[in-house]
Amino acid sequence: MRKIVECIPNFSEGRNAEVIDKITAAIKTVPETVLLDVESDPNHNRSVVTFVAPPTRVVDAALAGASKAAQLIDLNQHQGEHPRMGATDVIPFVPIAGVAMDDCIQLARECGERMWSELRIPVYLYEKAATRSERENLANIRKGQFEGIRSEIATVEARRPDFGDAMVHPTAGITAVGARPPLIAYNINLGTSDVEIANKIAKAVRYLSGGLRFVKALGFELKDRGIVQVSINMVNYEGTPLFRAFEMVKREAERYGVPVVGSEIVGLVPQKALNGCADFYLQLERFSEDQILENRLAAASGDAATASDNAASDEAASIAAAVDTRSGLSNSVGNFAALVAASTPTPGGGSVAAHAGMLAAALGQMVCNLSIGKKKYADVEPLLKEMRAELERLGDRLQSLIAEDAESFEAVMAAYRMPKETEEQKAARAAEIERATLEAAATPLKTAKRAIDVLRHLSALAEIGNPNAMSDVATAAQLALASAKGASYNVGINLSSLVDASAAADLRGKVERLVSEAVALAEQVESKMLQALSA
């Protein structure tokens, strides 16, 4: 597994785009670093930058950004709504893939040591990397901000940094470096200009004041908009979901006759956190993330970036897609296999049949590519290119049938769950079961037809393609045959449930003829393969 660490440095500049661009450009100069997001807030005068990198590079990238920030940001001139103590205010490391929290703690300590030795910026360690319990909470460290820390750091023991002398950098201040789980920065805007109301609500919501367990919150004034904001850090979105924080702020605001006028997410957010909001507000019953169309499509087609029913991997998977180079093969194969192996009826045999057909089409395209551009096949190159384009089209259609088959089966199950208390309900249920079952039989029939289309091209390709790839053509033909036969079995199992005997007989005849053609075509390719072996 590729090792990936997320880093989200916060810089005390949210108004000067040129400065922000220079900082992010410095981060991007570090090899294997991928910049994912930049969120700048002029009211807070702060930018939140999100990037990912392997553990061997992530500290270098963080220091590159911090070094540039120290050159360009002077805290003596900085003004903003958000509390701050450094030009680079915080640098958290978050484990994403192949990395444990202990690894990020070590990275935080390495970063802190180098911040001092290379940039002469002292460092406090916070969250999971904290060396003192009182420093686990960033708010305790930042209390008094740059000016307060500057006046006390040399005389108050509790203010002494973990790395560096007891003095702040004259312009860049001091930085908090830590390790933590994924965090959601979530702001809720209120329809009032009274910042005291925002402060009271923040106090009611945050954990330290008796509020929600995994919430930190402060009140801010957004002067340019004439409103105020409850700025929230959701430090564990599963322990305290977004909707719960929103509802509590809304309820508290009602006490003061103040409406919620909007909310915003700063930076990136795990998909699972938003799914929870949809589940809550729509009052969904028995909702599963496997019901999300994009998830099912991605998983069924073997997309390593998003195919997973493991909640902990949601964010890791999307980030891995941005960073990964060649490590996705085993993941993509494993994702579909794991989805099939799970204790759910879908994806089942029909989806697997479509997947086999898709692979057959892909192998056919490969053989075309191994032939196109070679002098030996110049005479048939136009035909090979046409064949390649058609195999690509067929592969795309078979890929879509992977999810379509699963959806058609689920529609049958939904029909069986319909109410049947009254005669009218029974009739409606029976009609829907018949309709859904007919559709569930028609879907694998489409798969069988497309698989045979693939076989026809493979049969032609065995005659004109690169003979060195004959084993690939033969393998593709067997996959396409399995696709057609597997699809036929799924047609048959649905036909047995149909009330309309005429429709069932018609479909049964069609699928039998298709399978006969598939067998003949596959045998032609196999014969060509056996000839090549005996030559």
Protein backbone atom coordinates (compact mmCIF):
# COMPACT_ATOMS: atom_id res chain seq x y z
CA MET A 1 0.00 0.00 0.00
CA ARG A 2 1.26 3.46 -0.89
CA LYS A 3 1.93 5.53 2.24
CA ILE A 4 0.12 8.87 2.27
CA VAL A 5 0.09 11.65 4.86
CA GLU A 6 -2.20 14.66 4.68
CA CYS A 7 -0.87 18.00 5.91
CA ILE A 8 -3.08 21.07 6.46
CA PRO A 9 -0.91 24.07 7.35
CA ASN A 10 -2.76 27.28 8.25
CA PHE A 11 -1.08 30.51 7.20
CA SER A 12 -1.83 33.94 8.63
CA GLU A 13 -2.67 35.55 5.29
CA GLY A 14 -6.04 35.47 3.58
CA ARG A 15 -6.14 38.73 1.65
CA ASN A 16 -2.99 38.97 -0.46
CA ALA A 17 -3.36 36.42 -3.27
CA GLU A 18 0.22 36.92 -4.40
CA VAL A 19 1.59 35.88 -1.01
CA ILE A 20 -0.68 32.84 -0.86
CA ASP A 21 0.36 31.80 -4.37
CA LYS A 22 4.04 32.02 -3.49
CA ILE A 23 3.55 29.87 -0.39
CA THR A 24 1.64 27.17 -2.25
CA ALA A 25 4.17 27.28 -5.11
CA ALA A 26 6.94 26.56 -2.60
CA ILE A 27 5.02 23.55 -1.29
CA LYS A 28 4.54 22.20 -4.80
CA THR A 29 8.27 22.28 -5.54
CA VAL A 30 8.76 19.25 -3.28
CA PRO A 31 8.62 16.04 -5.38
CA GLU A 32 5.66 13.67 -4.87
CA THR A 33 3.63 16.41 -3.18
CA VAL A 34 0.09 17.03 -4.42
CA LEU A 35 -1.71 20.25 -3.53
CA LEU A 36 -5.38 19.42 -3.01
CA ASP A 37 -7.01 22.62 -1.80
CA VAL A 38 -6.46 26.26 -0.78
CA GLU A 39 -9.15 28.12 1.18
CA SER A 40 -8.55 31.79 1.97
CA ASP A 41 -10.79 33.91 4.19
CA PRO A 42 -10.22 37.69 4.13
CA ASN A 43 -12.21 38.25 7.34
CA HIS A 44 -10.13 35.72 9.24
CA ASN A 45 -7.08 36.83 7.21
CA ARG A 46 -6.08 33.21 7.07
CA SER A 47 -5.50 30.50 4.47
CA VAL A 48 -5.95 26.78 4.98
CA VAL A 49 -3.81 24.73 2.60
CA THR A 50 -4.29 20.99 2.12
CA PHE A 51 -1.69 18.77 0.49
CA VAL A 52 -0.68 15.12 0.56
CA ALA A 53 2.71 13.47 0.26
CA PRO A 54 4.51 10.30 1.31
CA PRO A 55 6.04 10.38 4.81
CA THR A 56 9.51 10.87 3.31
CA ARG A 57 8.44 14.13 1.65
CA VAL A 58 5.67 15.61 3.75
CA VAL A 59 7.90 17.40 6.28
CA ASP A 60 9.99 18.89 3.47
CA ALA A 61 6.84 20.28 1.86
CA ALA A 62 5.54 21.70 5.14
CA LEU A 63 8.87 23.41 5.80
CA ALA A 64 8.99 24.80 2.27
CA GLY A 65 5.65 26.51 2.87
CA ALA A 66 6.63 27.68 6.35
CA SER A 67 9.92 29.12 5.08
CA LYS A 68 8.18 31.14 2.38
CA ALA A 69 5.52 32.32 4.87
CA ALA A 70 8.24 33.50 7.25
CA GLN A 71 9.72 35.58 4.44
CA LEU A 72 6.43 37.17 3.37
CA ILE A 73 4.26 37.50 6.50
CA ASP A 74 4.93 39.89 9.37
CA LEU A 75 2.67 39.21 12.36
CA ASN A 76 3.40 42.68 13.70
CA GLN A 77 1.33 43.99 10.77
CA HIS A 78 -1.25 41.20 10.71
CA GLN A 79 -4.88 41.82 11.65
CA GLY A 80 -7.74 39.34 11.34
CA GLU A 81 -10.69 37.82 13.15
CA HIS A 82 -9.08 34.43 13.69
CA PRO A 83 -6.66 33.95 16.61
CA ARG A 84 -3.07 33.51 15.42
CA MET A 85 0.40 33.14 16.86
CA GLY A 86 2.54 32.42 13.81
CA ALA A 87 2.96 33.27 10.15
CA THR A 88 2.55 29.53 9.78
CA ASP A 89 0.10 29.15 12.60
CA VAL A 90 -0.40 25.39 12.73
CA ILE A 91 0.93 22.36 10.89
CA PRO A 92 -1.10 19.19 11.55
CA PHE A 93 -0.15 15.81 10.09
CA VAL A 94 -3.00 13.38 9.43
CA PRO A 95 -2.60 9.65 8.68
CA ILE A 96 -4.40 8.71 5.47
CA ALA A 97 -3.10 5.46 3.95
CA GLY A 98 -0.44 2.99 5.09
CA VAL A 99 0.49 5.31 7.96
CA ALA A 100 -0.40 5.12 11.66
CA MET A 101 -0.95 7.96 14.12
CA ASP A 102 2.38 7.13 15.77
CA ASP A 103 4.08 7.76 12.42
CA CYS A 104 2.48 11.20 12.23
CA ILE A 105 3.56 11.96 15.79
CA GLN A 106 7.14 11.24 14.74
CA LEU A 107 6.71 13.45 11.66
CA ALA A 108 5.40 16.27 13.86
CA ARG A 109 8.43 16.03 16.10
CA GLU A 110 10.79 15.94 13.13
CA CYS A 111 9.04 18.99 11.68
CA GLY A 112 9.23 20.85 15.00
CA GLU A 113 12.93 20.17 15.39
CA ARG A 114 13.68 21.32 11.85
CA MET A 115 11.46 24.42 12.16
CA TRP A 116 13.78 25.59 14.90
CA SER A 117 17.11 24.40 13.50
CA GLU A 118 16.47 25.58 9.93
CA LEU A 119 14.08 28.53 10.27
CA ARG A 120 14.66 29.62 13.89
CA ILE A 121 10.92 29.45 14.51
CA PRO A 122 10.08 27.88 17.91
CA VAL A 123 7.42 25.17 18.06
CA TYR A 124 4.73 23.89 20.38
CA LEU A 125 3.63 20.29 19.88
CA TYR A 126 -0.15 19.80 20.10
CA GLU A 127 -2.97 17.24 19.78
CA LYS A 128 -1.63 13.66 19.60
CA ALA A 129 1.97 14.88 19.42
CA ALA A 130 1.69 16.98 22.60
CA THR A 131 4.31 16.40 25.30
CA ARG A 132 2.08 18.01 27.95
CA SER A 133 -1.58 17.24 28.50
CA GLU A 134 -2.53 20.91 28.58
CA ARG A 135 -1.12 21.32 25.08
CA GLU A 136 -3.36 18.73 23.48
CA ASN A 137 -5.94 21.50 23.01
CA LEU A 138 -4.70 24.07 20.51
CA ALA A 139 -6.83 26.80 22.10
CA ASN A 140 -4.78 26.55 25.31
CA ILE A 141 -1.54 27.00 23.38
CA ARG A 142 -2.76 29.92 21.28
CA LYS A 143 -4.29 31.85 24.19
CA GLY A 144 -3.06 35.45 24.13
CA GLN A 145 -2.05 35.05 20.49
CA PHE A 146 1.26 36.31 19.08
CA GLU A 147 1.47 39.37 21.31
CA GLY A 148 0.58 37.55 24.54
CA ILE A 149 2.97 34.68 23.91
CA ARG A 150 5.74 37.11 22.98
CA SER A 151 5.42 38.88 26.32
CA GLU A 152 5.33 35.71 28.45
CA ILE A 153 7.43 33.08 26.70
CA ALA A 154 10.66 33.99 28.47
CA THR A 155 9.21 34.27 31.97
CA VAL A 156 6.29 31.81 32.18
CA GLU A 157 7.31 28.15 32.28
CA ALA A 158 4.05 26.97 30.71
CA ARG A 159 4.86 29.12 27.68
CA ARG A 160 8.24 27.55 26.93
CA PRO A 161 8.31 25.87 23.50
CA ASP A 162 8.96 22.20 22.86
CA PHE A 163 11.59 23.13 20.29
CA GLY A 164 13.65 26.31 20.34
CA ASP A 165 14.65 29.04 22.73
CA ALA A 166 12.15 30.87 24.90
CA MET A 167 11.55 33.58 22.33
CA VAL A 168 9.25 34.04 19.36
CA HIS A 169 10.54 34.75 15.89
CA PRO A 170 10.37 38.55 15.55
CA THR A 171 8.03 38.46 12.53
CA ALA A 172 6.98 34.82 12.04
CA GLY A 173 6.02 34.21 15.67
CA ILE A 174 5.70 30.63 16.86
CA THR A 175 4.10 27.56 15.26
CA ALA A 176 2.05 24.68 16.64
CA VAL A 177 2.89 21.36 15.01
CA GLY A 178 0.81 18.28 15.71
CA ALA A 179 -0.72 14.99 14.66
CA ARG A 180 -4.46 14.41 14.59
CA PRO A 181 -7.28 12.50 12.92
CA PRO A 182 -9.14 14.10 9.97
CA LEU A 183 -10.88 17.34 11.00
CA ILE A 184 -13.69 19.30 9.35
CA ALA A 185 -13.55 23.09 9.52
CA TYR A 186 -17.21 24.10 9.52
CA ASN A 187 -18.59 27.63 9.86
CA ILE A 188 -22.22 28.57 10.51
CA ASN A 189 -23.29 32.12 9.66
CA LEU A 190 -25.94 33.97 11.69
CA GLY A 191 -28.28 36.76 10.57
CA THR A 192 -27.10 39.30 13.13
CA SER A 193 -24.19 41.70 13.59
CA ASP A 194 -24.03 41.05 17.35
CA VAL A 195 -20.83 39.05 17.90
CA GLU A 196 -21.80 38.42 21.52
CA ILE A 197 -24.59 36.16 20.32
CA ALA A 198 -22.09 34.19 18.25
CA ASN A 199 -19.81 33.89 21.28
CA LYS A 200 -22.65 32.68 23.50
CA ILE A 201 -23.69 30.08 20.95
CA ALA A 202 -20.10 28.93 20.46
CA LYS A 203 -19.77 28.51 24.21
CA ALA A 204 -22.93 26.41 24.33
CA VAL A 205 -21.78 24.20 21.48
CA ARG A 206 -18.12 23.55 22.27
CA TYR A 207 -17.12 20.63 24.45
CA LEU A 208 -14.97 22.60 26.89
CA SER A 209 -18.04 24.57 27.95
CA GLY A 210 -20.27 21.52 28.29
CA GLY A 211 -21.36 21.20 24.67
CA LEU A 212 -20.87 18.55 22.02
CA ARG A 213 -18.08 16.05 22.67
CA PHE A 214 -16.01 16.53 19.52
CA VAL A 215 -16.61 20.21 18.81
CA LYS A 216 -14.42 23.28 19.24
CA ALA A 217 -16.09 26.60 18.50
CA LEU A 218 -15.52 30.36 18.55
CA GLY A 219 -17.62 33.37 17.60
CA PHE A 220 -16.41 35.79 14.91
CA GLU A 221 -17.58 38.96 13.27
CA LEU A 222 -17.70 39.08 9.46
CA LYS A 223 -17.56 42.83 9.08
CA ASP A 224 -17.70 42.96 5.30
CA ARG A 225 -21.00 41.05 5.35
CA GLY A 226 -22.49 42.64 8.46
CA ILE A 227 -23.07 39.25 10.10
CA VAL A 228 -21.39 36.99 12.64
CA GLN A 229 -20.21 33.41 12.51
CA VAL A 230 -19.82 30.41 14.74
CA SER A 231 -16.55 28.89 13.55
CA ILE A 232 -16.34 25.20 14.39
CA ASN A 233 -13.69 22.51 14.28
CA MET A 234 -15.28 19.07 14.08
CA VAL A 235 -12.45 16.94 15.47
CA ASN A 236 -14.33 13.65 15.10
CA TYR A 237 -17.17 13.86 12.57
CA GLU A 238 -18.35 10.34 13.34
CA GLY A 239 -18.50 10.97 17.11
CA THR A 240 -20.28 14.29 16.56
CA PRO A 241 -21.75 14.50 13.04
CA LEU A 242 -22.12 17.75 11.12
CA PHE A 243 -25.90 17.80 11.29
CA ARG A 244 -25.87 17.60 15.10
CA ALA A 245 -23.60 20.65 15.36
CA PHE A 246 -25.76 22.52 12.85
CA GLU A 247 -28.98 21.69 14.66
CA MET A 248 -27.58 22.74 18.04
CA VAL A 249 -26.34 26.07 16.67
CA LYS A 250 -29.72 26.60 15.01
CA ARG A 251 -31.60 25.82 18.21
CA GLU A 252 -29.38 28.09 20.30
CA ALA A 253 -29.76 30.89 17.74
CA GLU A 254 -33.54 30.65 18.05
CA ARG A 255 -33.21 31.60 21.72
CA TYR A 256 -31.95 34.99 20.58
CA GLY A 257 -34.37 35.37 17.68
CA VAL A 258 -31.52 34.99 15.19
CA PRO A 259 -31.71 32.93 11.99
CA VAL A 260 -29.00 30.74 10.49
CA VAL A 261 -28.33 32.27 7.06
CA GLY A 262 -25.87 29.70 5.76
CA SER A 263 -22.91 27.49 6.51
CA GLU A 264 -19.66 26.62 4.84
CA ILE A 265 -16.99 23.95 4.87
CA VAL A 266 -13.42 25.20 4.74
CA GLY A 267 -11.08 22.87 2.92
CA LEU A 268 -11.91 19.24 2.22
CA VAL A 269 -14.57 17.04 3.77
CA PRO A 270 -14.97 13.23 3.79
CA GLN A 271 -17.94 12.08 1.71
CA LYS A 272 -19.20 10.02 4.65
CA ALA A 273 -19.75 13.20 6.66
CA LEU A 274 -22.09 14.59 3.98
CA ASN A 275 -23.83 11.25 3.56
CA GLY A 276 -24.71 11.37 7.25
CA CYS A 277 -26.38 14.75 6.75
CA ALA A 278 -28.47 13.44 3.86
CA ASP A 279 -29.46 10.41 5.92
CA PHE A 280 -30.52 12.60 8.86
CA TYR A 281 -32.43 15.35 7.05
CA LEU A 282 -34.20 13.04 4.60
CA GLN A 283 -35.06 10.65 7.46
CA LEU A 284 -33.96 7.72 5.32
CA GLU A 285 -34.83 4.25 6.53
CA ARG A 286 -32.26 1.44 6.26
CA PHE A 287 -30.01 3.69 4.20
CA SER A 288 -26.64 2.29 3.14
CA GLU A 289 -23.81 4.12 1.38
CA ASP A 290 -23.81 1.20 -1.02
CA GLN A 291 -27.06 2.69 -2.39
CA ILE A 292 -25.23 5.75 -3.69
CA LEU A 293 -25.09 5.39 -7.46
CA GLU A 294 -21.59 6.82 -7.86
CA ASN A 295 -20.25 4.51 -5.16
CA ARG A 296 -21.80 1.46 -6.78
CA LEU A 297 -20.63 2.42 -10.27
CA ALA A 298 -17.11 3.13 -9.11
CA ALA A 299 -16.90 0.00 -7.00
CA ALA A 300 -18.36 -2.29 -9.62
CA SER A 301 -16.03 -1.00 -12.33
CA GLY A 302 -12.99 -1.42 -10.10
CA ASP A 303 -12.24 2.26 -9.50
CA ALA A 304 -9.63 2.20 -6.75
CA ALA A 305 -10.25 5.82 -5.90
CA THR A 306 -13.75 5.40 -4.55
CA ALA A 307 -14.69 1.74 -4.39
CA SER A 308 -14.86 0.82 -0.75
CA ASP A 309 -17.45 0.14 1.90
CA ASN A 310 -14.85 0.76 4.56
CA ALA A 311 -15.64 4.17 6.07
CA ALA A 312 -12.09 4.70 7.27
CA SER A 313 -10.81 4.51 3.70
CA ASP A 314 -13.19 7.04 2.12
CA GLU A 315 -10.86 10.00 2.37
CA ALA A 316 -7.76 7.87 1.83
CA ALA A 317 -9.11 6.47 -1.40
CA SER A 318 -9.91 9.85 -2.97
CA ILE A 319 -6.51 11.24 -2.01
CA ALA A 320 -4.73 8.11 -3.19
CA ALA A 321 -6.23 8.67 -6.61
CA ALA A 322 -4.57 12.08 -6.81
CA VAL A 323 -1.17 10.78 -5.72
CA ASP A 324 -0.98 7.19 -6.92
CA THR A 325 1.00 6.21 -9.99
CA ARG A 326 1.07 2.46 -10.55
CA SER A 327 -0.06 0.94 -7.27
CA GLY A 328 -3.76 0.92 -8.17
CA LEU A 329 -3.87 -2.39 -10.05
CA SER A 330 -4.10 -4.75 -7.11
CA ASN A 331 -6.42 -2.34 -5.32
CA SER A 332 -8.86 -2.04 -8.22
CA VAL A 333 -9.04 -5.81 -8.71
CA GLY A 334 -9.41 -6.38 -4.99
CA ASN A 335 -12.14 -3.79 -4.58
CA PHE A 336 -14.52 -5.48 -7.01
CA ALA A 337 -13.69 -8.93 -5.68
CA ALA A 338 -14.30 -7.77 -2.10
CA LEU A 339 -17.59 -6.18 -3.10
CA VAL A 340 -18.74 -9.42 -4.72
CA ALA A 341 -17.56 -11.49 -1.73
CA ALA A 342 -19.51 -9.38 0.77
CA SER A 343 -22.64 -10.76 2.42
CA THR A 344 -24.98 -8.84 0.12
CA PRO A 345 -26.83 -10.20 -2.92
CA THR A 346 -25.42 -7.49 -5.18
CA PRO A 347 -23.21 -7.30 -7.09
CA GLY A 348 -23.83 -10.93 -8.01
CA GLY A 349 -23.53 -13.27 -10.96
CA GLY A 350 -25.04 -10.86 -13.47
CA SER A 351 -22.59 -8.10 -12.54
CA VAL A 352 -19.67 -10.54 -12.60
CA ALA A 353 -20.75 -11.70 -16.06
CA ALA A 354 -20.72 -8.10 -17.30
CA HIS A 355 -17.34 -7.54 -15.66
CA ALA A 356 -15.93 -10.59 -17.50
CA GLY A 357 -17.23 -9.21 -20.77
CA MET A 358 -15.66 -5.83 -20.04
CA LEU A 359 -12.28 -7.52 -19.44
CA ALA A 360 -12.64 -9.46 -22.69
CA ALA A 361 -13.19 -6.21 -24.58
CA ALA A 362 -10.17 -4.65 -22.85
CA LEU A 363 -7.92 -7.56 -23.87
CA GLY A 364 -9.17 -7.19 -27.44
CA GLN A 365 -8.23 -3.51 -27.40
CA MET A 366 -4.79 -4.42 -26.11
CA VAL A 367 -4.21 -6.83 -29.01
CA CYS A 368 -5.31 -4.12 -31.46
CA ASN A 369 -2.83 -1.73 -29.91
CA LEU A 370 -0.07 -4.34 -30.16
CA SER A 371 -0.77 -4.61 -33.90
CA ILE A 372 -1.50 -1.01 -34.91
CA GLY A 373 1.55 0.95 -36.05
CA LYS A 374 3.56 -2.07 -37.17
CA LYS A 375 4.47 -2.37 -40.87
CA LYS A 376 3.38 -6.00 -40.98
CA TYR A 377 -0.21 -4.98 -40.27
CA ALA A 378 -0.33 -1.77 -42.33
CA ASP A 379 -2.86 -3.23 -44.77
CA VAL A 380 -5.34 -4.04 -42.01
CA GLU A 381 -4.59 -1.05 -39.79
CA PRO A 382 -7.83 0.83 -40.67
CA LEU A 383 -9.81 -2.27 -39.78
CA LEU A 384 -7.87 -2.73 -36.54
CA LYS A 385 -8.53 0.88 -35.56
CA GLU A 386 -12.22 0.48 -36.28
CA MET A 387 -12.24 -2.75 -34.28
CA ARG A 388 -10.46 -1.09 -31.37
CA ALA A 389 -12.99 1.74 -31.26
CA GLU A 390 -15.88 -0.72 -31.31
CA LEU A 391 -14.33 -2.85 -28.54
CA GLU A 392 -13.89 0.29 -26.46
CA ARG A 393 -17.56 1.14 -26.94
CA LEU A 394 -18.60 -2.38 -26.00
CA GLY A 395 -16.34 -2.34 -22.94
CA ASP A 396 -17.94 0.90 -21.75
CA ARG A 397 -21.41 -0.57 -22.21
CA LEU A 398 -20.52 -3.75 -20.34
CA GLN A 399 -19.04 -1.65 -17.55
CA SER A 400 -22.33 0.21 -17.17
CA LEU A 401 -24.18 -3.13 -17.11
CA ILE A 402 -22.23 -4.15 -13.99
CA ALA A 403 -24.17 -1.60 -11.95
CA GLU A 404 -27.32 -1.88 -14.05
CA ASP A 405 -27.62 -5.56 -13.21
CA ALA A 406 -27.28 -4.90 -9.49
CA GLU A 407 -29.86 -2.12 -9.68
CA SER A 408 -32.36 -4.31 -11.54
CA PHE A 409 -32.10 -6.99 -8.86
CA GLU A 410 -32.57 -4.43 -6.10
CA ALA A 411 -35.70 -3.18 -7.89
CA VAL A 412 -37.12 -6.71 -7.65
CA MET A 413 -36.34 -6.83 -3.93
CA ALA A 414 -38.00 -3.45 -3.48
CA ALA A 415 -41.10 -4.74 -5.23
CA TYR A 416 -41.32 -7.70 -2.87
CA ARG A 417 -41.15 -5.28 0.08
CA MET A 418 -44.21 -3.36 -1.10
CA PRO A 419 -47.25 -3.45 1.25
CA LYS A 420 -49.83 -6.20 0.73
CA GLU A 421 -52.49 -5.50 3.33
CA THR A 422 -55.35 -4.69 0.94
CA GLU A 423 -56.43 -6.19 -2.36
CA GLU A 424 -55.37 -3.02 -4.16
CA GLN A 425 -51.93 -3.20 -2.54
CA LYS A 426 -51.60 -6.86 -3.45
CA ALA A 427 -52.45 -6.14 -7.08
CA ALA A 428 -50.03 -3.22 -7.26
CA ARG A 429 -47.32 -5.32 -5.64
CA ALA A 430 -47.84 -8.23 -8.04
CA ALA A 431 -47.73 -5.91 -11.06
CA GLU A 432 -44.53 -4.27 -9.86
CA ILE A 433 -42.89 -7.63 -9.14
CA GLU A 434 -43.70 -8.78 -12.70
CA ARG A 435 -42.41 -5.56 -14.23
CA ALA A 436 -39.20 -5.54 -12.15
CA THR A 437 -38.57 -9.24 -12.81
CA LEU A 438 -38.95 -8.76 -16.54
CA GLU A 439 -36.44 -5.91 -16.39
CA ALA A 440 -34.11 -8.03 -14.26
CA ALA A 441 -34.19 -10.68 -17.00
CA ALA A 442 -33.72 -8.14 -19.78
CA THR A 443 -30.56 -6.67 -18.24
CA PRO A 444 -28.38 -9.82 -18.36
CA LEU A 445 -29.76 -10.45 -21.85
CA LYS A 446 -28.14 -7.14 -22.84
CA THR A 447 -24.91 -8.40 -21.30
CA ALA A 448 -25.06 -11.61 -23.33
CA LYS A 449 -25.64 -9.65 -26.55
CA ARG A 450 -22.70 -7.34 -25.89
CA ALA A 451 -20.46 -10.26 -24.95
CA ILE A 452 -21.23 -11.92 -28.29
CA ASP A 453 -20.47 -8.68 -30.10
CA VAL A 454 -17.08 -8.78 -28.39
CA LEU A 455 -16.63 -12.42 -29.45
CA ARG A 456 -17.32 -11.54 -33.08
CA HIS A 457 -14.54 -8.97 -33.04
CA LEU A 458 -12.20 -11.37 -31.27
CA SER A 459 -12.84 -14.03 -33.88
CA ALA A 460 -11.85 -11.55 -36.61
CA LEU A 461 -8.89 -10.34 -34.55
CA ALA A 462 -7.56 -13.90 -34.28
CA GLU A 463 -7.19 -13.86 -38.07
CA ILE A 464 -5.56 -10.47 -38.62
CA GLY A 465 -3.98 -9.45 -35.31
CA ASN A 466 -0.47 -9.90 -33.95
CA PRO A 467 0.04 -13.68 -33.57
CA ASN A 468 2.34 -13.08 -30.60
CA ALA A 469 -0.78 -11.98 -28.72
CA MET A 470 -2.87 -14.99 -29.72
CA SER A 471 -3.02 -16.22 -26.11
CA ASP A 472 -4.54 -12.87 -25.14
CA VAL A 473 -7.19 -13.17 -27.86
CA ALA A 474 -7.99 -16.71 -26.70
CA THR A 475 -8.20 -15.64 -23.06
CA ALA A 476 -10.49 -12.79 -24.06
CA ALA A 477 -12.70 -15.21 -25.98
CA GLN A 478 -13.08 -17.50 -22.96
CA LEU A 479 -13.95 -14.50 -20.79
CA ALA A 480 -16.53 -13.34 -23.31
CA LEU A 481 -17.98 -16.87 -23.44
CA ALA A 482 -18.19 -16.94 -19.64
CA SER A 483 -19.87 -13.54 -19.78
CA ALA A 484 -22.50 -14.75 -22.23
CA LYS A 485 -23.14 -18.02 -20.37
CA GLY A 486 -23.19 -16.33 -16.94
CA ALA A 487 -25.62 -13.74 -18.23
CA SER A 488 -27.82 -16.48 -19.66
CA TYR A 489 -28.03 -18.18 -16.26
CA ASN A 490 -29.22 -14.91 -14.76
CA VAL A 491 -31.81 -14.49 -17.47
CA GLY A 492 -33.08 -18.00 -16.77
CA ILE A 493 -33.36 -17.60 -13.02
CA ASN A 494 -35.56 -14.53 -13.51
CA LEU A 495 -37.72 -16.18 -16.17
CA SER A 496 -38.75 -18.83 -13.68
CA SER A 497 -40.53 -16.14 -11.66
CA LEU A 498 -42.45 -14.55 -14.53
CA VAL A 499 -46.22 -14.98 -14.69
CA ASP A 500 -46.31 -14.06 -18.39
CA ALA A 501 -45.39 -17.41 -19.94
CA SER A 502 -45.28 -15.96 -23.46
CA ALA A 503 -42.71 -13.31 -22.51
CA ALA A 504 -40.67 -15.92 -20.65
CA ALA A 505 -40.64 -18.27 -23.65
CA ASP A 506 -39.60 -15.47 -25.99
CA LEU A 507 -36.67 -14.44 -23.78
CA ARG A 508 -35.64 -18.06 -23.23
CA GLY A 509 -35.45 -18.66 -26.98
CA LYS A 510 -33.36 -15.53 -27.51
CA VAL A 511 -30.83 -16.40 -24.85
CA GLU A 512 -30.46 -19.99 -26.06
CA ARG A 513 -29.62 -18.79 -29.57
CA LEU A 514 -27.13 -16.28 -28.20
CA VAL A 515 -25.33 -18.90 -26.12
CA SER A 516 -25.09 -21.26 -29.10
CA GLU A 517 -23.45 -18.51 -31.16
CA ALA A 518 -21.10 -17.65 -28.29
CA VAL A 519 -19.93 -21.24 -27.99
CA ALA A 520 -19.26 -21.46 -31.75
CA LEU A 521 -17.29 -18.22 -31.82
CA ALA A 522 -15.19 -19.14 -28.79
CA GLU A 523 -14.41 -22.52 -30.36
CA GLN A 524 -13.19 -20.79 -33.52
CA VAL A 525 -10.75 -18.68 -31.53
CA GLU A 526 -9.64 -21.66 -29.45
CA SER A 527 -8.97 -23.66 -32.62
CA LYS A 528 -6.77 -20.84 -33.90
CA MET A 529 -4.93 -20.83 -30.58
CA LEU A 530 -4.33 -24.58 -30.67
CA GLN A 531 -2.96 -24.27 -34.21
CA ALA A 532 -0.51 -21.65 -33.00
CA LEU A 533 0.63 -23.92 -30.17
CA SER A 534 1.24 -26.87 -32.48
CA ALA A 535 3.03 -24.85 -35.16
